Amino acid sequence: PARAGTIYAGGYTGLWKSADGGNTWTLEIAGQVFYLATDSKGTIYYAT
């Protein structure tokens, strides 16, 4: 919510981030990440 065009995706392979609306991705966290949440200030919470 604090960074326009930034998307996060999680799954078996890890937590992925795209800063350009989903055109390119980088692996931020390796390992299983199935749950994501955020507050209004853009703090991202994730669970292994």
All heavy atoms as atom14 arrays in JSON, in Angstrom:
{
  "sequence": "PARAGTIYAGGYTGLWKSADGGNTWTLEIAGQVFYLATDSKGTIYYAT",
  "atom14_mask": [
    [1, 1, 1, 1, 1, 1, 1, 0, 0, 0, 0, 0, 0, 0],
    [1, 1, 1, 1, 1, 0, 0, 0, 0, 0, 0, 0, 0, 0],
    [1, 1, 1, 1, 1, 1, 1, 1, 1, 1, 1, 0, 0, 0],
    [1, 1, 1, 1, 1, 0, 0, 0, 0, 0, 0, 0, 0, 0],
    [1, 1, 1, 1, 0, 0, 0, 0, 0, 0, 0, 0, 0, 0],
    [1, 1, 1, 1, 1, 1, 1, 0, 0, 0, 0, 0, 0, 0],
    [1, 1, 1, 1, 1, 1, 1, 1, 0, 0, 0, 0, 0, 0],
    [1, 1, 1, 1, 1, 1, 1, 1, 1, 1, 1, 1, 0, 0],
    [1, 1, 1, 1, 1, 0, 0, 0, 0, 0, 0, 0, 0, 0],
    [1, 1, 1, 1, 0, 0, 0, 0, 0, 0, 0, 0, 0, 0],
    [1, 1, 1, 1, 0, 0, 0, 0, 0, 0, 0, 0, 0, 0],
    [1, 1, 1, 1, 1, 1, 1, 1, 1, 1, 1, 1, 0, 0],
    [1, 1, 1, 1, 1, 1, 1, 0, 0, 0, 0, 0, 0, 0],
    [1, 1, 1, 1, 0, 0, 0, 0, 0, 0, 0, 0, 0, 0],
    [1, 1, 1, 1, 1, 1, 1, 1, 0, 0, 0, 0, 0, 0],
    [1, 1, 1, 1, 1, 1, 1, 1, 1, 1, 1, 1, 1, 1],
    [1, 1, 1, 1, 1, 1, 1, 1, 1, 0, 0, 0, 0, 0],
    [1, 1, 1, 1, 1, 1, 0, 0, 0, 0, 0, 0, 0, 0],
    [1, 1, 1, 1, 1, 0, 0, 0, 0, 0, 0, 0, 0, 0],
    [1, 1, 1, 1, 1, 1, 1, 1, 0, 0, 0, 0, 0, 0],
    [1, 1, 1, 1, 0, 0, 0, 0, 0, 0, 0, 0, 0, 0],
    [1, 1, 1, 1, 0, 0, 0, 0, 0, 0, 0, 0, 0, 0],
    [1, 1, 1, 1, 1, 1, 1, 1, 0, 0, 0, 0, 0, 0],
    [1, 1, 1, 1, 1, 1, 1, 0, 0, 0, 0, 0, 0, 0],
    [1, 1, 1, 1, 1, 1, 1, 1, 1, 1, 1, 1, 1, 1],
    [1, 1, 1, 1, 1, 1, 1, 0, 0, 0, 0, 0, 0, 0],
    [1, 1, 1, 1, 1, 1, 1, 1, 0, 0, 0, 0, 0, 0],
    [1, 1, 1, 1, 1, 1, 1, 1, 1, 0, 0, 0, 0, 0],
    [1, 1, 1, 1, 1, 1, 1, 1, 0, 0, 0, 0, 0, 0],
    [1, 1, 1, 1, 1, 0, 0, 0, 0, 0, 0, 0, 0, 0],
    [1, 1, 1, 1, 0, 0, 0, 0, 0, 0, 0, 0, 0, 0],
    [1, 1, 1, 1, 1, 1, 1, 1, 1, 0, 0, 0, 0, 0],
    [1, 1, 1, 1, 1, 1, 1, 0, 0, 0, 0, 0, 0, 0],
    [1, 1, 1, 1, 1, 1, 1, 1, 1, 1, 1, 0, 0, 0],
    [1, 1, 1, 1, 1, 1, 1, 1, 1, 1, 1, 1, 0, 0],
    [1, 1, 1, 1, 1, 1, 1, 1, 0, 0, 0, 0, 0, 0],
    [1, 1, 1, 1, 1, 0, 0, 0, 0, 0, 0, 0, 0, 0],
    [1, 1, 1, 1, 1, 1, 1, 0, 0, 0, 0, 0, 0, 0],
    [1, 1, 1, 1, 1, 1, 1, 1, 0, 0, 0, 0, 0, 0],
    [1, 1, 1, 1, 1, 1, 0, 0, 0, 0, 0, 0, 0, 0],
    [1, 1, 1, 1, 1, 1, 1, 1, 1, 0, 0, 0, 0, 0],
    [1, 1, 1, 1, 0, 0, 0, 0, 0, 0, 0, 0, 0, 0],
    [1, 1, 1, 1, 1, 1, 1, 0, 0, 0, 0, 0, 0, 0],
    [1, 1, 1, 1, 1, 1, 1, 1, 0, 0, 0, 0, 0, 0],
    [1, 1, 1, 1, 1, 1, 1, 1, 1, 1, 1, 1, 0, 0],
    [1, 1, 1, 1, 1, 1, 1, 1, 1, 1, 1, 1, 0, 0],
    [1, 1, 1, 1, 1, 0, 0, 0, 0, 0, 0, 0, 0, 0],
    [1, 1, 1, 1, 1, 1, 1, 0, 0, 0, 0, 0, 0, 0]
  ],
  "atom14_positions": [
    [[0.8, -1.23, 0.0], [0.0, 0.0, 0.0], [0.83, 1.27, 0.0], [0.31, 2.35, -0.31], [-0.81, -0.12, 1.3], [0.04, -0.95, 2.19], [0.73, -1.93, 1.29], [0.0, 0.0, 0.0], [0.0, 0.0, 0.0], [0.0, 0.0, 0.0], [0.0, 0.0, 0.0], [0.0, 0.0, 0.0], [0.0, 0.0, 0.0], [0.0, 0.0, 0.0]],
    [[2.12, 1.17, 0.33], [2.96, 2.36, 0.42], [3.89, 2.53, -0.77], [4.56, 3.55, -0.88], [3.79, 2.31, 1.71], [0.0, 0.0, 0.0], [0.0, 0.0, 0.0], [0.0, 0.0, 0.0], [0.0, 0.0, 0.0], [0.0, 0.0, 0.0], [0.0, 0.0, 0.0], [0.0, 0.0, 0.0], [0.0, 0.0, 0.0], [0.0, 0.0, 0.0]],
    [[3.92, 1.55, -1.68], [4.85, 1.59, -2.8], [4.1, 1.18, -4.06], [3.86, -0.02, -4.28], [6.06, 0.67, -2.55], [6.83, 1.04, -1.28], [7.82, -0.04, -0.86], [8.47, 0.3, 0.4], [7.97, 0.01, 1.59], [6.82, -0.63, 1.69], [8.61, 0.37, 2.69], [0.0, 0.0, 0.0], [0.0, 0.0, 0.0], [0.0, 0.0, 0.0]],
    [[3.74, 2.14, -4.86], [2.94, 1.88, -6.06], [3.65, 0.9, -6.98], [4.86, 1.03, -7.23], [2.66, 3.19, -6.79], [0.0, 0.0, 0.0], [0.0, 0.0, 0.0], [0.0, 0.0, 0.0], [0.0, 0.0, 0.0], [0.0, 0.0, 0.0], [0.0, 0.0, 0.0], [0.0, 0.0, 0.0], [0.0, 0.0, 0.0], [0.0, 0.0, 0.0]],
    [[2.92, -0.07, -7.49], [3.47, -1.03, -8.43], [4.25, -2.16, -7.81], [4.77, -3.01, -8.54], [0.0, 0.0, 0.0], [0.0, 0.0, 0.0], [0.0, 0.0, 0.0], [0.0, 0.0, 0.0], [0.0, 0.0, 0.0], [0.0, 0.0, 0.0], [0.0, 0.0, 0.0], [0.0, 0.0, 0.0], [0.0, 0.0, 0.0], [0.0, 0.0, 0.0]],
    [[4.34, -2.22, -6.47], [5.09, -3.28, -5.81], [4.14, -4.4, -5.4], [3.14, -4.17, -4.73], [5.84, -2.75, -4.58], [6.77, -1.75, -5.01], [6.59, -3.87, -3.89], [0.0, 0.0, 0.0], [0.0, 0.0, 0.0], [0.0, 0.0, 0.0], [0.0, 0.0, 0.0], [0.0, 0.0, 0.0], [0.0, 0.0, 0.0], [0.0, 0.0, 0.0]],
    [[4.48, -5.63, -5.83], [3.67, -6.81, -5.59], [4.54, -7.86, -4.92], [5.72, -8.02, -5.25], [3.11, -7.37, -6.91], [2.4, -6.28, -7.72], [2.14, -8.53, -6.65], [2.03, -6.72, -9.12], [0.0, 0.0, 0.0], [0.0, 0.0, 0.0], [0.0, 0.0, 0.0], [0.0, 0.0, 0.0], [0.0, 0.0, 0.0], [0.0, 0.0, 0.0]],
    [[3.94, -8.59, -3.99], [4.63, -9.7, -3.34], [3.85, -10.98, -3.6], [2.61, -10.98, -3.64], [4.74, -9.47, -1.83], [5.45, -8.19, -1.46], [4.72, -7.04, -1.16], [6.83, -8.12, -1.43], [5.36, -5.86, -0.84], [7.49, -6.94, -1.09], [6.74, -5.81, -0.81], [7.37, -4.64, -0.48], [0.0, 0.0, 0.0], [0.0, 0.0, 0.0]],
    [[4.57, -12.08, -3.78], [3.94, -13.38, -3.99], [4.7, -14.41, -3.17], [5.93, -14.4, -3.11], [3.94, -13.76, -5.46], [0.0, 0.0, 0.0], [0.0, 0.0, 0.0], [0.0, 0.0, 0.0], [0.0, 0.0, 0.0], [0.0, 0.0, 0.0], [0.0, 0.0, 0.0], [0.0, 0.0, 0.0], [0.0, 0.0, 0.0], [0.0, 0.0, 0.0]],
    [[3.95, -15.31, -2.53], [4.58, -16.34, -1.71], [4.09, -17.72, -2.09], [3.0, -17.88, -2.63], [0.0, 0.0, 0.0], [0.0, 0.0, 0.0], [0.0, 0.0, 0.0], [0.0, 0.0, 0.0], [0.0, 0.0, 0.0], [0.0, 0.0, 0.0], [0.0, 0.0, 0.0], [0.0, 0.0, 0.0], [0.0, 0.0, 0.0], [0.0, 0.0, 0.0]],
    [[4.92, -18.72, -1.79], [4.57, -20.1, -2.08], [5.65, -21.04, -1.59], [6.43, -20.7, -0.69], [0.0, 0.0, 0.0], [0.0, 0.0, 0.0], [0.0, 0.0, 0.0], [0.0, 0.0, 0.0], [0.0, 0.0, 0.0], [0.0, 0.0, 0.0], [0.0, 0.0, 0.0], [0.0, 0.0, 0.0], [0.0, 0.0, 0.0], [0.0, 0.0, 0.0]],
    [[5.72, -22.22, -2.2], [6.69, -23.23, -1.77], [8.13, -22.77, -1.97], [9.02, -23.12, -1.2], [6.46, -24.53, -2.54], [5.33, -25.36, -2.0], [4.08, -25.34, -2.63], [5.49, -26.17, -0.88], [3.03, -26.1, -2.14], [4.44, -26.93, -0.39], [3.22, -26.89, -1.02], [2.17, -27.64, -0.54], [0.0, 0.0, 0.0], [0.0, 0.0, 0.0]],
    [[8.39, -22.0, -3.04], [9.77, -21.65, -3.36], [10.26, -20.43, -2.6], [11.46, -20.17, -2.56], [9.92, -21.38, -4.86], [8.96, -20.39, -5.27], [9.68, -22.65, -5.65], [0.0, 0.0, 0.0], [0.0, 0.0, 0.0], [0.0, 0.0, 0.0], [0.0, 0.0, 0.0], [0.0, 0.0, 0.0], [0.0, 0.0, 0.0], [0.0, 0.0, 0.0]],
    [[9.37, -19.66, -2.0], [9.81, -18.5, -1.24], [8.91, -17.3, -1.43], [7.78, -17.39, -1.93], [0.0, 0.0, 0.0], [0.0, 0.0, 0.0], [0.0, 0.0, 0.0], [0.0, 0.0, 0.0], [0.0, 0.0, 0.0], [0.0, 0.0, 0.0], [0.0, 0.0, 0.0], [0.0, 0.0, 0.0], [0.0, 0.0, 0.0], [0.0, 0.0, 0.0]],
    [[9.43, -16.15, -1.03], [8.72, -14.88, -1.14], [9.35, -14.06, -2.27], [10.56, -13.77, -2.24], [8.8, -14.1, 0.17], [8.21, -12.69, 0.17], [6.72, -12.73, -0.13], [8.44, -12.02, 1.53], [0.0, 0.0, 0.0], [0.0, 0.0, 0.0], [0.0, 0.0, 0.0], [0.0, 0.0, 0.0], [0.0, 0.0, 0.0], [0.0, 0.0, 0.0]],
    [[8.53, -13.7, -3.26], [8.99, -12.98, -4.44], [8.47, -11.55, -4.41], [7.39, -11.28, -3.9], [8.51, -13.69, -5.7], [9.11, -15.04, -5.89], [8.72, -16.2, -5.31], [10.25, -15.35, -6.68], [9.52, -17.24, -5.7], [10.47, -16.74, -6.55], [11.09, -14.61, -7.51], [11.5, -17.39, -7.2], [12.11, -15.26, -8.17], [12.31, -16.63, -8.01]],
    [[9.24, -10.64, -5.01], [8.87, -9.23, -5.05], [9.02, -8.7, -6.46], [9.99, -8.99, -7.16], [9.78, -8.43, -4.1], [9.65, -6.91, -4.21], [10.7, -6.23, -3.36], [10.79, -4.74, -3.61], [11.88, -4.1, -2.84], [0.0, 0.0, 0.0], [0.0, 0.0, 0.0], [0.0, 0.0, 0.0], [0.0, 0.0, 0.0], [0.0, 0.0, 0.0]],
    [[8.03, -7.92, -6.88], [8.11, -7.18, -8.14], [7.88, -5.71, -7.84], [6.88, -5.34, -7.21], [7.06, -7.67, -9.13], [7.04, -6.84, -10.28], [0.0, 0.0, 0.0], [0.0, 0.0, 0.0], [0.0, 0.0, 0.0], [0.0, 0.0, 0.0], [0.0, 0.0, 0.0], [0.0, 0.0, 0.0], [0.0, 0.0, 0.0], [0.0, 0.0, 0.0]],
    [[8.8, -4.87, -8.28], [8.68, -3.44, -8.07], [8.18, -2.71, -9.31], [8.08, -1.48, -9.31], [10.04, -2.86, -7.64], [0.0, 0.0, 0.0], [0.0, 0.0, 0.0], [0.0, 0.0, 0.0], [0.0, 0.0, 0.0], [0.0, 0.0, 0.0], [0.0, 0.0, 0.0], [0.0, 0.0, 0.0], [0.0, 0.0, 0.0], [0.0, 0.0, 0.0]],
    [[7.83, -3.47, -10.36], [7.39, -2.84, -11.61], [6.06, -3.42, -12.09], [5.86, -3.64, -13.28], [8.46, -2.99, -12.69], [8.86, -4.44, -12.93], [8.2, -5.34, -12.38], [9.83, -4.67, -13.67], [0.0, 0.0, 0.0], [0.0, 0.0, 0.0], [0.0, 0.0, 0.0], [0.0, 0.0, 0.0], [0.0, 0.0, 0.0], [0.0, 0.0, 0.0]],
    [[5.18, -3.69, -11.14], [3.84, -4.14, -11.51], [3.76, -5.57, -11.99], [2.78, -5.93, -12.63], [0.0, 0.0, 0.0], [0.0, 0.0, 0.0], [0.0, 0.0, 0.0], [0.0, 0.0, 0.0], [0.0, 0.0, 0.0], [0.0, 0.0, 0.0], [0.0, 0.0, 0.0], [0.0, 0.0, 0.0], [0.0, 0.0, 0.0], [0.0, 0.0, 0.0]],
    [[4.77, -6.38, -11.69], [4.73, -7.78, -12.05], [5.47, -8.14, -13.32], [5.38, -9.28, -13.78], [0.0, 0.0, 0.0], [0.0, 0.0, 0.0], [0.0, 0.0, 0.0], [0.0, 0.0, 0.0], [0.0, 0.0, 0.0], [0.0, 0.0, 0.0], [0.0, 0.0, 0.0], [0.0, 0.0, 0.0], [0.0, 0.0, 0.0], [0.0, 0.0, 0.0]],
    [[6.23, -7.21, -13.88], [6.99, -7.51, -15.1], [8.26, -8.29, -14.81], [8.65, -9.19, -15.57], [7.32, -6.22, -15.85], [6.1, -5.57, -16.44], [5.29, -6.23, -17.09], [5.94, -4.28, -16.23], [0.0, 0.0, 0.0], [0.0, 0.0, 0.0], [0.0, 0.0, 0.0], [0.0, 0.0, 0.0], [0.0, 0.0, 0.0], [0.0, 0.0, 0.0]],
    [[8.94, -7.97, -13.7], [10.14, -8.7, -13.29], [10.03, -9.0, -11.81], [9.39, -8.26, -11.05], [11.42, -7.9, -13.56], [11.37, -6.65, -12.84], [11.57, -7.61, -15.05], [0.0, 0.0, 0.0], [0.0, 0.0, 0.0], [0.0, 0.0, 0.0], [0.0, 0.0, 0.0], [0.0, 0.0, 0.0], [0.0, 0.0, 0.0], [0.0, 0.0, 0.0]],
    [[10.71, -10.09, -11.38], [10.6, -10.56, -10.01], [11.98, -10.86, -9.43], [12.88, -11.27, -10.16], [9.75, -11.84, -9.94], [8.34, -11.65, -10.38], [7.85, -11.7, -11.65], [7.22, -11.36, -9.54], [6.5, -11.47, -11.65], [6.08, -11.27, -10.37], [7.06, -11.19, -8.16], [4.81, -11.0, -9.86], [5.8, -10.94, -7.66], [4.68, -10.84, -8.5]],
    [[12.12, -10.67, -8.13], [13.33, -11.06, -7.41], [12.93, -11.89, -6.21], [11.89, -11.65, -5.58], [14.14, -9.84, -6.93], [13.32, -9.02, -6.08], [14.64, -9.02, -8.1], [0.0, 0.0, 0.0], [0.0, 0.0, 0.0], [0.0, 0.0, 0.0], [0.0, 0.0, 0.0], [0.0, 0.0, 0.0], [0.0, 0.0, 0.0], [0.0, 0.0, 0.0]],
    [[13.74, -12.89, -5.89], [13.49, -13.75, -4.74], [14.03, -13.06, -3.49], [15.24, -12.85, -3.36], [14.15, -15.11, -4.92], [13.94, -16.13, -3.8], [12.46, -16.49, -3.66], [14.77, -17.38, -4.04], [0.0, 0.0, 0.0], [0.0, 0.0, 0.0], [0.0, 0.0, 0.0], [0.0, 0.0, 0.0], [0.0, 0.0, 0.0], [0.0, 0.0, 0.0]],
    [[13.14, -12.69, -2.57], [13.56, -12.0, -1.35], [13.82, -12.96, -0.2], [14.76, -12.77, 0.57], [12.47, -11.0, -0.92], [12.16, -9.92, -1.94], [13.35, -8.97, -2.13], [14.07, -8.72, -1.15], [13.55, -8.51, -3.27], [0.0, 0.0, 0.0], [0.0, 0.0, 0.0], [0.0, 0.0, 0.0], [0.0, 0.0, 0.0], [0.0, 0.0, 0.0]],
    [[12.99, -13.98, -0.07], [13.12, -14.94, 1.02], [12.99, -16.33, 0.43], [12.0, -16.65, -0.21], [12.03, -14.74, 2.1], [12.04, -13.3, 2.63], [12.2, -15.74, 3.23], [13.28, -12.92, 3.4], [0.0, 0.0, 0.0], [0.0, 0.0, 0.0], [0.0, 0.0, 0.0], [0.0, 0.0, 0.0], [0.0, 0.0, 0.0], [0.0, 0.0, 0.0]],
    [[13.99, -17.18, 0.62], [13.91, -18.57, 0.16], [13.22, -19.42, 1.21], [13.36, -19.18, 2.41], [15.3, -19.11, -0.14], [0.0, 0.0, 0.0], [0.0, 0.0, 0.0], [0.0, 0.0, 0.0], [0.0, 0.0, 0.0], [0.0, 0.0, 0.0], [0.0, 0.0, 0.0], [0.0, 0.0, 0.0], [0.0, 0.0, 0.0], [0.0, 0.0, 0.0]],
    [[12.47, -20.41, 0.76], [11.74, -21.27, 1.69], [10.25, -21.01, 1.61], [9.79, -20.05, 0.98], [0.0, 0.0, 0.0], [0.0, 0.0, 0.0], [0.0, 0.0, 0.0], [0.0, 0.0, 0.0], [0.0, 0.0, 0.0], [0.0, 0.0, 0.0], [0.0, 0.0, 0.0], [0.0, 0.0, 0.0], [0.0, 0.0, 0.0], [0.0, 0.0, 0.0]],
    [[9.46, -21.83, 2.26], [8.02, -21.76, 2.15], [7.44, -20.52, 2.85], [7.71, -20.29, 4.02], [7.39, -23.02, 2.76], [7.81, -24.3, 2.04], [7.2, -25.54, 2.66], [6.41, -25.45, 3.58], [7.58, -26.7, 2.15], [0.0, 0.0, 0.0], [0.0, 0.0, 0.0], [0.0, 0.0, 0.0], [0.0, 0.0, 0.0], [0.0, 0.0, 0.0]],
    [[6.69, -19.73, 2.09], [6.01, -18.55, 2.62], [4.58, -18.59, 2.09], [4.34, -18.33, 0.91], [6.69, -17.24, 2.2], [5.89, -16.03, 2.69], [8.12, -17.19, 2.75], [0.0, 0.0, 0.0], [0.0, 0.0, 0.0], [0.0, 0.0, 0.0], [0.0, 0.0, 0.0], [0.0, 0.0, 0.0], [0.0, 0.0, 0.0], [0.0, 0.0, 0.0]],
    [[3.63, -18.92, 2.95], [2.25, -19.11, 2.51], [1.3, -18.01, 3.0], [0.15, -17.96, 2.57], [1.71, -20.46, 2.99], [2.42, -21.63, 2.39], [2.97, -22.61, 3.18], [2.54, -21.75, 1.02], [3.62, -23.71, 2.63], [3.18, -22.84, 0.44], [3.72, -23.81, 1.26], [0.0, 0.0, 0.0], [0.0, 0.0, 0.0], [0.0, 0.0, 0.0]],
    [[1.77, -17.14, 3.91], [0.87, -16.14, 4.49], [1.54, -14.78, 4.48], [2.7, -14.63, 4.9], [0.47, -16.54, 5.92], [-0.18, -17.9, 5.96], [0.55, -19.02, 6.34], [-1.5, -18.07, 5.56], [-0.04, -20.27, 6.35], [-2.09, -19.32, 5.55], [-1.36, -20.41, 5.95], [-1.94, -21.65, 5.95], [0.0, 0.0, 0.0], [0.0, 0.0, 0.0]],
    [[0.81, -13.77, 3.98], [1.29, -12.4, 3.88], [0.21, -11.46, 4.39], [-0.98, -11.71, 4.26], [1.6, -12.04, 2.43], [2.78, -12.73, 1.75], [2.78, -12.42, 0.25], [4.09, -12.28, 2.38], [0.0, 0.0, 0.0], [0.0, 0.0, 0.0], [0.0, 0.0, 0.0], [0.0, 0.0, 0.0], [0.0, 0.0, 0.0], [0.0, 0.0, 0.0]],
    [[0.65, -10.35, 4.99], [-0.28, -9.3, 5.44], [0.49, -7.99, 5.45], [1.72, -7.96, 5.45], [-0.84, -9.61, 6.83], [0.0, 0.0, 0.0], [0.0, 0.0, 0.0], [0.0, 0.0, 0.0], [0.0, 0.0, 0.0], [0.0, 0.0, 0.0], [0.0, 0.0, 0.0], [0.0, 0.0, 0.0], [0.0, 0.0, 0.0], [0.0, 0.0, 0.0]],
    [[-0.25, -6.88, 5.45], [0.38, -5.56, 5.48], [-0.47, -4.61, 6.29], [-1.69, -4.8, 6.43], [0.57, -5.02, 4.05], [1.25, -3.76, 4.11], [-0.77, -4.83, 3.36], [0.0, 0.0, 0.0], [0.0, 0.0, 0.0], [0.0, 0.0, 0.0], [0.0, 0.0, 0.0], [0.0, 0.0, 0.0], [0.0, 0.0, 0.0], [0.0, 0.0, 0.0]],
    [[0.18, -3.58, 6.84], [-0.56, -2.5, 7.47], [-0.59, -1.29, 6.53], [-0.04, -1.33, 5.44], [0.02, -2.14, 8.84], [1.48, -1.67, 8.77], [1.92, -1.21, 7.7], [2.18, -1.76, 9.78], [0.0, 0.0, 0.0], [0.0, 0.0, 0.0], [0.0, 0.0, 0.0], [0.0, 0.0, 0.0], [0.0, 0.0, 0.0], [0.0, 0.0, 0.0]],
    [[-1.25, -0.23, 6.97], [-1.45, 0.93, 6.09], [-0.15, 1.67, 5.79], [-0.09, 2.41, 4.81], [-2.46, 1.89, 6.72], [-1.99, 2.32, 8.0], [0.0, 0.0, 0.0], [0.0, 0.0, 0.0], [0.0, 0.0, 0.0], [0.0, 0.0, 0.0], [0.0, 0.0, 0.0], [0.0, 0.0, 0.0], [0.0, 0.0, 0.0], [0.0, 0.0, 0.0]],
    [[0.89, 1.45, 6.59], [2.16, 2.13, 6.4], [3.11, 1.36, 5.49], [4.2, 1.85, 5.19], [2.83, 2.39, 7.75], [2.03, 3.31, 8.66], [2.75, 3.54, 9.98], [1.94, 4.45, 10.9], [2.62, 4.66, 12.21], [0.0, 0.0, 0.0], [0.0, 0.0, 0.0], [0.0, 0.0, 0.0], [0.0, 0.0, 0.0], [0.0, 0.0, 0.0]],
    [[2.7, 0.18, 5.06], [3.54, -0.59, 4.15], [4.49, -1.55, 4.82], [5.38, -2.1, 4.15], [0.0, 0.0, 0.0], [0.0, 0.0, 0.0], [0.0, 0.0, 0.0], [0.0, 0.0, 0.0], [0.0, 0.0, 0.0], [0.0, 0.0, 0.0], [0.0, 0.0, 0.0], [0.0, 0.0, 0.0], [0.0, 0.0, 0.0], [0.0, 0.0, 0.0]],
    [[4.34, -1.79, 6.11], [5.1, -2.87, 6.74], [4.51, -4.2, 6.3], [3.3, -4.42, 6.39], [5.04, -2.76, 8.27], [5.66, -1.53, 8.68], [5.79, -3.92, 8.93], [0.0, 0.0, 0.0], [0.0, 0.0, 0.0], [0.0, 0.0, 0.0], [0.0, 0.0, 0.0], [0.0, 0.0, 0.0], [0.0, 0.0, 0.0], [0.0, 0.0, 0.0]],
    [[5.37, -5.08, 5.79], [4.92, -6.36, 5.27], [5.22, -7.44, 6.31], [6.33, -7.52, 6.83], [5.63, -6.71, 3.95], [5.49, -5.55, 2.95], [5.07, -7.99, 3.37], [4.06, -5.2, 2.6], [0.0, 0.0, 0.0], [0.0, 0.0, 0.0], [0.0, 0.0, 0.0], [0.0, 0.0, 0.0], [0.0, 0.0, 0.0], [0.0, 0.0, 0.0]],
    [[4.22, -8.25, 6.6], [4.36, -9.36, 7.53], [4.26, -10.67, 6.74], [3.42, -10.78, 5.85], [3.27, -9.32, 8.6], [3.22, -8.0, 9.35], [2.4, -6.97, 8.9], [3.99, -7.79, 10.48], [2.35, -5.76, 9.57], [3.95, -6.58, 11.16], [3.12, -5.56, 10.69], [3.08, -4.36, 11.36], [0.0, 0.0, 0.0], [0.0, 0.0, 0.0]],
    [[5.11, -11.61, 7.07], [5.04, -12.9, 6.4], [5.34, -14.0, 7.4], [5.99, -13.78, 8.43], [5.98, -12.97, 5.2], [7.45, -13.07, 5.53], [8.09, -14.32, 5.59], [8.22, -11.93, 5.77], [9.44, -14.41, 5.88], [9.57, -12.02, 6.05], [10.17, -13.26, 6.11], [11.5, -13.37, 6.41], [0.0, 0.0, 0.0], [0.0, 0.0, 0.0]],
    [[4.85, -15.2, 7.09], [5.04, -16.34, 7.98], [5.66, -17.49, 7.23], [5.26, -17.82, 6.11], [3.7, -16.77, 8.58], [0.0, 0.0, 0.0], [0.0, 0.0, 0.0], [0.0, 0.0, 0.0], [0.0, 0.0, 0.0], [0.0, 0.0, 0.0], [0.0, 0.0, 0.0], [0.0, 0.0, 0.0], [0.0, 0.0, 0.0], [0.0, 0.0, 0.0]],
    [[6.67, -18.11, 7.84], [7.16, -19.41, 7.42], [6.33, -20.46, 8.16], [5.26, -20.15, 8.69], [8.64, -19.56, 7.73], [8.84, -19.45, 9.16], [9.45, -18.47, 7.04], [0.0, 0.0, 0.0], [0.0, 0.0, 0.0], [0.0, 0.0, 0.0], [0.0, 0.0, 0.0], [0.0, 0.0, 0.0], [0.0, 0.0, 0.0], [0.0, 0.0, 0.0]]
  ]
}
